[in-house]
Amino acid sequence: MNIAITKPRLGSAAASFLAKEHKLLIDGKWVAAQSGQTFPVEDPATEEVIAHVPAGDKADIDAAVAAARRAFETALGRACRPASGRVSSGGSATCLSSMPTSSPSWRRWTTASR
């Protein structure tokens, strides 16, 4: 018995997203992997390659961790750190959601993350 499967058409926004060059978000900037290498992303239903994404490696991870450390040490990071000094899941989101959006720390954080 044969079953015909019709591949659904992608919407224009999805097709546009998949067609563009994909990058890593490190230190608030979209960057290519330092190695310049990418790897294919397959549609699991069709095994068709639908995009290529950066193949981040140790150098990219080190850069991302360093950027995260710098961000954590900013005034915003210090303001959001629990008294124990340990980060708990959801802590940053709670801190950011309770911070007035007119505060200087909020403006610096949101501007730096664009």
N, C-alpha and C. Protein backbone atom coordinates (compact mmCIF):
# COMPACT_ATOMS: atom_id res chain seq x y z
N MET A 1 0.85 -1.17 0.00
CA MET A 1 0.00 0.00 0.00
C MET A 1 0.89 1.24 0.00
N ASN A 2 0.63 2.16 -0.89
CA ASN A 2 1.36 3.42 -0.97
C ASN A 2 0.53 4.53 -0.35
N ILE A 3 1.19 5.40 0.37
CA ILE A 3 0.53 6.55 0.96
C ILE A 3 1.19 7.80 0.40
N ALA A 4 0.39 8.67 -0.14
CA ALA A 4 0.91 9.94 -0.68
C ALA A 4 0.87 10.99 0.42
N ILE A 5 2.01 11.61 0.63
CA ILE A 5 2.10 12.68 1.63
C ILE A 5 2.40 13.97 0.89
N THR A 6 1.58 14.95 1.12
CA THR A 6 1.78 16.25 0.50
C THR A 6 2.58 17.12 1.45
N LYS A 7 3.68 17.63 0.97
CA LYS A 7 4.51 18.50 1.78
C LYS A 7 3.82 19.86 1.93
N PRO A 8 3.60 20.30 3.17
CA PRO A 8 2.94 21.60 3.35
C PRO A 8 3.85 22.73 2.87
N ARG A 9 3.23 23.77 2.35
CA ARG A 9 3.98 24.95 1.92
C ARG A 9 4.31 25.81 3.13
N LEU A 10 5.49 26.34 3.13
CA LEU A 10 5.88 27.26 4.19
C LEU A 10 5.27 28.63 3.94
N GLY A 11 4.93 29.31 5.01
CA GLY A 11 4.49 30.69 4.89
C GLY A 11 5.67 31.55 4.47
N SER A 12 5.39 32.74 4.00
CA SER A 12 6.46 33.61 3.50
C SER A 12 7.45 33.99 4.61
N ALA A 13 6.96 34.19 5.84
CA ALA A 13 7.86 34.56 6.94
C ALA A 13 8.81 33.40 7.26
N ALA A 14 8.30 32.17 7.30
CA ALA A 14 9.14 31.01 7.59
C ALA A 14 10.14 30.78 6.47
N ALA A 15 9.69 30.88 5.23
CA ALA A 15 10.59 30.70 4.09
C ALA A 15 11.70 31.75 4.10
N SER A 16 11.34 32.98 4.41
CA SER A 16 12.32 34.06 4.47
C SER A 16 13.34 33.80 5.58
N PHE A 17 12.86 33.36 6.74
CA PHE A 17 13.75 33.07 7.87
C PHE A 17 14.73 31.95 7.51
N LEU A 18 14.24 30.89 6.91
CA LEU A 18 15.10 29.76 6.59
C LEU A 18 16.11 30.09 5.49
N ALA A 19 15.77 31.03 4.62
CA ALA A 19 16.65 31.38 3.51
C ALA A 19 17.80 32.30 3.92
N LYS A 20 17.65 32.99 5.04
CA LYS A 20 18.68 33.97 5.40
C LYS A 20 19.90 33.29 6.03
N GLU A 21 20.96 34.05 6.14
CA GLU A 21 22.17 33.55 6.80
C GLU A 21 21.93 33.56 8.31
N HIS A 22 22.19 32.44 8.95
CA HIS A 22 21.98 32.32 10.39
C HIS A 22 23.29 32.55 11.13
N LYS A 23 23.18 33.19 12.29
CA LYS A 23 24.37 33.52 13.07
C LYS A 23 24.15 33.20 14.54
N LEU A 24 25.21 33.31 15.32
CA LEU A 24 25.16 33.11 16.77
C LEU A 24 24.99 34.47 17.44
N LEU A 25 24.23 34.52 18.52
CA LEU A 25 24.07 35.76 19.28
C LEU A 25 25.05 35.71 20.44
N ILE A 26 26.11 36.50 20.33
CA ILE A 26 27.15 36.54 21.36
C ILE A 26 27.44 38.00 21.68
N ASP A 27 27.35 38.34 22.94
CA ASP A 27 27.63 39.69 23.43
C ASP A 27 26.73 40.73 22.75
N GLY A 28 25.48 40.34 22.52
CA GLY A 28 24.52 41.27 21.94
C GLY A 28 24.69 41.50 20.45
N LYS A 29 25.54 40.72 19.80
CA LYS A 29 25.79 40.88 18.36
C LYS A 29 25.56 39.54 17.66
N TRP A 30 25.02 39.59 16.45
CA TRP A 30 24.88 38.39 15.64
C TRP A 30 26.18 38.17 14.88
N VAL A 31 26.83 37.04 15.13
CA VAL A 31 28.14 36.76 14.53
C VAL A 31 28.18 35.35 13.94
N ALA A 32 29.03 35.19 12.94
CA ALA A 32 29.27 33.86 12.38
C ALA A 32 30.14 33.08 13.35
N ALA A 33 30.14 31.78 13.24
CA ALA A 33 31.04 30.96 14.04
C ALA A 33 32.48 31.37 13.71
N GLN A 34 33.34 31.42 14.71
CA GLN A 34 34.72 31.85 14.47
C GLN A 34 35.42 30.95 13.46
N SER A 35 35.03 29.68 13.42
CA SER A 35 35.64 28.74 12.46
C SER A 35 35.11 28.96 11.04
N GLY A 36 33.99 29.67 10.93
CA GLY A 36 33.36 29.87 9.64
C GLY A 36 32.55 28.66 9.18
N GLN A 37 32.55 27.60 9.97
CA GLN A 37 31.85 26.38 9.57
C GLN A 37 30.37 26.43 9.94
N THR A 38 29.59 25.71 9.17
CA THR A 38 28.16 25.57 9.43
C THR A 38 27.81 24.08 9.37
N PHE A 39 26.58 23.78 9.79
CA PHE A 39 26.09 22.42 9.61
C PHE A 39 24.64 22.48 9.15
N PRO A 40 24.21 21.43 8.43
CA PRO A 40 22.86 21.44 7.87
C PRO A 40 21.80 21.13 8.93
N VAL A 41 20.64 21.73 8.76
CA VAL A 41 19.47 21.45 9.58
C VAL A 41 18.46 20.76 8.67
N GLU A 42 17.98 19.59 9.09
CA GLU A 42 17.05 18.82 8.27
C GLU A 42 15.64 18.90 8.81
N ASP A 43 14.68 18.92 7.90
CA ASP A 43 13.27 18.77 8.25
C ASP A 43 13.11 17.30 8.65
N PRO A 44 12.70 17.03 9.89
CA PRO A 44 12.62 15.64 10.33
C PRO A 44 11.58 14.82 9.57
N ALA A 45 10.58 15.46 8.99
CA ALA A 45 9.55 14.73 8.26
C ALA A 45 10.02 14.30 6.87
N THR A 46 10.87 15.12 6.26
CA THR A 46 11.26 14.85 4.87
C THR A 46 12.75 14.55 4.71
N GLU A 47 13.53 14.80 5.76
CA GLU A 47 14.98 14.69 5.73
C GLU A 47 15.62 15.64 4.71
N GLU A 48 14.86 16.65 4.31
CA GLU A 48 15.36 17.68 3.40
C GLU A 48 16.15 18.71 4.21
N VAL A 49 17.30 19.14 3.68
CA VAL A 49 18.07 20.21 4.33
C VAL A 49 17.30 21.51 4.12
N ILE A 50 16.94 22.15 5.24
CA ILE A 50 16.15 23.37 5.14
C ILE A 50 16.94 24.63 5.50
N ALA A 51 18.10 24.45 6.13
CA ALA A 51 18.92 25.61 6.50
C ALA A 51 20.31 25.12 6.86
N HIS A 52 21.23 26.06 6.94
CA HIS A 52 22.57 25.81 7.47
C HIS A 52 22.78 26.81 8.60
N VAL A 53 23.28 26.34 9.72
CA VAL A 53 23.49 27.19 10.89
C VAL A 53 24.95 27.13 11.32
N PRO A 54 25.42 28.15 12.05
CA PRO A 54 26.82 28.17 12.47
C PRO A 54 27.16 26.97 13.36
N ALA A 55 28.31 26.41 13.12
CA ALA A 55 28.81 25.30 13.94
C ALA A 55 29.70 25.91 15.02
N GLY A 56 29.07 26.38 16.09
CA GLY A 56 29.83 26.97 17.19
C GLY A 56 30.75 25.93 17.81
N ASP A 57 31.94 26.35 18.17
CA ASP A 57 32.88 25.43 18.81
C ASP A 57 33.42 26.07 20.09
N LYS A 58 34.51 25.55 20.60
CA LYS A 58 35.07 26.02 21.87
C LYS A 58 35.30 27.53 21.87
N ALA A 59 35.83 28.07 20.80
CA ALA A 59 36.11 29.51 20.74
C ALA A 59 34.82 30.32 20.87
N ASP A 60 33.76 29.86 20.22
CA ASP A 60 32.48 30.57 20.31
C ASP A 60 31.88 30.44 21.71
N ILE A 61 32.00 29.26 22.30
CA ILE A 61 31.50 29.05 23.66
C ILE A 61 32.26 29.94 24.64
N ASP A 62 33.58 29.99 24.50
CA ASP A 62 34.38 30.84 25.39
C ASP A 62 33.97 32.31 25.26
N ALA A 63 33.73 32.76 24.03
CA ALA A 63 33.31 34.15 23.82
C ALA A 63 31.94 34.41 24.43
N ALA A 64 31.03 33.46 24.29
CA ALA A 64 29.68 33.61 24.86
C ALA A 64 29.72 33.61 26.38
N VAL A 65 30.52 32.74 26.96
CA VAL A 65 30.64 32.69 28.42
C VAL A 65 31.27 33.98 28.95
N ALA A 66 32.29 34.48 28.27
CA ALA A 66 32.91 35.74 28.70
C ALA A 66 31.92 36.90 28.62
N ALA A 67 31.11 36.93 27.56
CA ALA A 67 30.10 37.99 27.42
C ALA A 67 29.04 37.87 28.51
N ALA A 68 28.63 36.64 28.80
CA ALA A 68 27.63 36.43 29.86
C ALA A 68 28.19 36.85 31.22
N ARG A 69 29.46 36.57 31.45
CA ARG A 69 30.09 36.95 32.72
C ARG A 69 30.11 38.47 32.85
N ARG A 70 30.50 39.16 31.75
CA ARG A 70 30.52 40.62 31.79
C ARG A 70 29.11 41.17 32.06
N ALA A 71 28.12 40.61 31.41
CA ALA A 71 26.74 41.07 31.61
C ALA A 71 26.30 40.82 33.04
N PHE A 72 26.68 39.69 33.59
CA PHE A 72 26.29 39.34 34.95
C PHE A 72 26.93 40.29 35.96
N GLU A 73 28.11 40.78 35.63
CA GLU A 73 28.82 41.66 36.56
C GLU A 73 28.41 43.13 36.42
N THR A 74 27.53 43.46 35.49
CA THR A 74 27.06 44.83 35.35
C THR A 74 26.15 45.19 36.51
N ALA A 75 25.76 46.43 36.57
CA ALA A 75 24.86 46.88 37.63
C ALA A 75 23.56 46.09 37.61
N LEU A 76 23.05 45.81 36.43
CA LEU A 76 21.81 45.04 36.33
C LEU A 76 22.01 43.64 36.90
N GLY A 77 23.10 43.01 36.52
CA GLY A 77 23.37 41.67 37.03
C GLY A 77 23.52 41.66 38.54
N ARG A 78 24.20 42.66 39.08
CA ARG A 78 24.36 42.73 40.54
C ARG A 78 23.03 42.98 41.22
N ALA A 79 22.19 43.82 40.60
CA ALA A 79 20.89 44.13 41.18
C ALA A 79 19.98 42.91 41.19
N CYS A 80 20.16 42.02 40.24
CA CYS A 80 19.28 40.86 40.12
C CYS A 80 19.83 39.63 40.85
N ARG A 81 21.04 39.71 41.34
CA ARG A 81 21.64 38.55 42.00
C ARG A 81 21.00 38.35 43.36
N PRO A 82 20.59 37.13 43.68
CA PRO A 82 20.04 36.86 45.01
C PRO A 82 21.08 37.12 46.09
N ALA A 83 20.64 37.32 47.31
CA ALA A 83 21.55 37.60 48.42
C ALA A 83 22.58 36.49 48.59
N SER A 84 22.21 35.26 48.25
CA SER A 84 23.14 34.14 48.39
C SER A 84 24.27 34.20 47.38
N GLY A 85 24.10 35.02 46.33
CA GLY A 85 25.11 35.10 45.28
C GLY A 85 24.95 34.01 44.24
N ARG A 86 24.00 33.11 44.45
CA ARG A 86 23.76 32.02 43.52
C ARG A 86 22.58 32.39 42.63
N VAL A 87 22.67 31.99 41.39
CA VAL A 87 21.60 32.27 40.45
C VAL A 87 20.63 31.10 40.47
N SER A 88 19.35 31.41 40.63
CA SER A 88 18.34 30.36 40.59
C SER A 88 17.57 30.49 39.29
N SER A 89 16.94 29.40 38.86
CA SER A 89 16.20 29.46 37.60
C SER A 89 15.06 30.46 37.74
N GLY A 90 14.90 31.27 36.73
CA GLY A 90 13.84 32.26 36.73
C GLY A 90 14.18 33.54 37.48
N GLY A 91 15.30 33.58 38.17
CA GLY A 91 15.66 34.76 38.95
C GLY A 91 15.82 36.00 38.11
N SER A 92 16.53 35.87 36.98
CA SER A 92 16.74 37.04 36.13
C SER A 92 15.44 37.52 35.54
N ALA A 93 14.61 36.59 35.09
CA ALA A 93 13.33 36.98 34.50
C ALA A 93 12.48 37.70 35.53
N THR A 94 12.48 37.21 36.76
CA THR A 94 11.70 37.85 37.81
C THR A 94 12.23 39.24 38.08
N CYS A 95 13.54 39.36 38.15
CA CYS A 95 14.15 40.66 38.41
C CYS A 95 13.82 41.64 37.29
N LEU A 96 13.98 41.20 36.05
CA LEU A 96 13.73 42.08 34.92
C LEU A 96 12.26 42.46 34.82
N SER A 97 11.38 41.51 35.12
CA SER A 97 9.96 41.82 34.99
C SER A 97 9.50 42.77 36.09
N SER A 98 10.22 42.82 37.22
CA SER A 98 9.81 43.72 38.30
C SER A 98 10.53 45.07 38.23
N MET A 99 11.51 45.19 37.32
CA MET A 99 12.27 46.43 37.22
C MET A 99 11.50 47.45 36.37
N PRO A 100 11.38 48.68 36.83
CA PRO A 100 10.70 49.69 36.01
C PRO A 100 11.45 49.89 34.69
N THR A 101 10.72 49.91 33.59
CA THR A 101 11.36 50.04 32.28
C THR A 101 11.97 51.41 32.06
N SER A 102 11.70 52.34 32.96
CA SER A 102 12.30 53.67 32.82
C SER A 102 13.64 53.76 33.55
N SER A 103 14.03 52.69 34.26
CA SER A 103 15.28 52.76 35.02
C SER A 103 16.49 52.77 34.10
N PRO A 104 17.58 53.43 34.50
CA PRO A 104 18.79 53.47 33.66
C PRO A 104 19.34 52.06 33.40
N SER A 105 19.28 51.17 34.41
CA SER A 105 19.79 49.81 34.21
C SER A 105 19.00 49.09 33.14
N TRP A 106 17.69 49.22 33.15
CA TRP A 106 16.85 48.57 32.15
C TRP A 106 17.18 49.09 30.75
N ARG A 107 17.33 50.41 30.62
CA ARG A 107 17.63 50.98 29.30
C ARG A 107 18.99 50.51 28.81
N ARG A 108 20.00 50.46 29.70
CA ARG A 108 21.32 49.97 29.28
C ARG A 108 21.23 48.52 28.84
N TRP A 109 20.51 47.69 29.59
CA TRP A 109 20.42 46.26 29.27
C TRP A 109 19.70 46.05 27.95
N THR A 110 18.56 46.73 27.76
CA THR A 110 17.80 46.49 26.54
C THR A 110 18.51 47.08 25.32
N THR A 111 19.22 48.17 25.49
CA THR A 111 19.97 48.75 24.36
C THR A 111 21.14 47.85 23.99
N ALA A 112 21.84 47.31 25.00
CA ALA A 112 22.99 46.46 24.73
C ALA A 112 22.59 45.14 24.10
N SER A 113 21.35 44.70 24.33
CA SER A 113 20.95 43.39 23.82
C SER A 113 20.40 43.44 22.40
N ARG A 114 20.42 44.59 21.76
CA ARG A 114 19.88 44.67 20.38
C ARG A 114 20.92 44.35 19.36
